[in-house]
Amino acid sequence: MSGKIVVALALGVVVLILCTGLYTLWVGGETSRTWSNRLMRIRVLAQFVAICIIMLVLYLSGHH
């Protein structure tokens, strides 16, 4: 799989989790209490994984 595709997928996952977390904040109520904090923690983990993937792709693309 191409590095650009993997990076795009990782960023897409982060954006999806972010949008879902923001939506739960907007809805409020029990949904917000249950899911908002959990989704934002998952987003931070997904961002870490995305940054690791980006760094790996950059490293490997520089060493042909």
Protein backbone atom coordinates (compact mmCIF):
# COMPACT_ATOMS: atom_id res chain seq x y z
CA MET A 1 0.00 0.00 0.00
CA SER A 2 1.30 3.42 -0.90
CA GLY A 3 2.54 5.66 1.90
CA LYS A 4 0.23 8.47 0.85
CA ILE A 5 -2.80 6.19 1.12
CA VAL A 6 -1.81 5.00 4.59
CA VAL A 7 -1.27 8.60 5.76
CA ALA A 8 -4.63 9.66 4.27
CA LEU A 9 -6.40 6.77 6.03
CA ALA A 10 -4.78 7.63 9.36
CA LEU A 11 -5.77 11.28 9.03
CA GLY A 12 -9.28 10.29 7.96
CA VAL A 13 -9.69 8.18 11.10
CA VAL A 14 -8.57 11.12 13.26
CA VAL A 15 -11.01 13.50 11.55
CA LEU A 16 -13.86 10.98 11.87
CA ILE A 17 -13.22 10.50 15.59
CA LEU A 18 -12.94 14.27 16.10
CA CYS A 19 -16.22 14.95 14.30
CA THR A 20 -17.98 12.20 16.25
CA GLY A 21 -16.65 13.57 19.54
CA LEU A 22 -17.74 17.10 18.68
CA TYR A 23 -21.18 15.82 17.68
CA THR A 24 -21.62 14.09 21.03
CA LEU A 25 -20.68 17.35 22.78
CA TRP A 26 -23.26 19.18 20.67
CA VAL A 27 -26.00 16.64 21.45
CA GLY A 28 -25.33 16.89 25.16
CA GLY A 29 -27.19 14.97 27.84
CA GLU A 30 -26.39 11.37 28.68
CA THR A 31 -24.74 10.77 25.30
CA SER A 32 -22.28 13.56 25.99
CA ARG A 33 -21.49 12.31 29.47
CA THR A 34 -20.92 8.78 28.24
CA TRP A 35 -19.00 9.31 25.01
CA SER A 36 -17.41 12.78 24.67
CA ASN A 37 -14.44 12.30 26.97
CA ARG A 38 -13.90 8.72 25.80
CA LEU A 39 -13.91 9.76 22.13
CA MET A 40 -11.49 12.62 22.74
CA ARG A 41 -9.10 10.24 24.49
CA ILE A 42 -9.35 7.85 21.55
CA ARG A 43 -8.70 10.80 19.23
CA VAL A 44 -5.48 11.64 21.07
CA LEU A 45 -4.33 8.04 20.67
CA ALA A 46 -5.32 8.07 16.98
CA GLN A 47 -3.37 11.30 16.49
CA PHE A 48 -0.30 9.69 18.07
CA VAL A 49 -0.61 6.70 15.75
CA ALA A 50 -1.11 9.01 12.74
CA ILE A 51 2.02 11.00 13.63
CA CYS A 52 4.00 7.76 13.99
CA ILE A 53 2.74 6.60 10.58
CA ILE A 54 3.63 9.95 8.99
CA MET A 55 7.12 9.86 10.49
CA LEU A 56 7.62 6.26 9.34
CA VAL A 57 6.48 7.07 5.80
CA LEU A 58 8.78 10.11 5.70
CA TYR A 59 11.69 8.04 6.99
CA LEU A 60 11.15 5.23 4.52
CA SER A 61 10.61 7.57 1.57
CA GLY A 62 13.98 9.19 2.26
CA HIS A 63 15.83 5.84 2.17
CA HIS A 64 15.27 4.32 -1.28
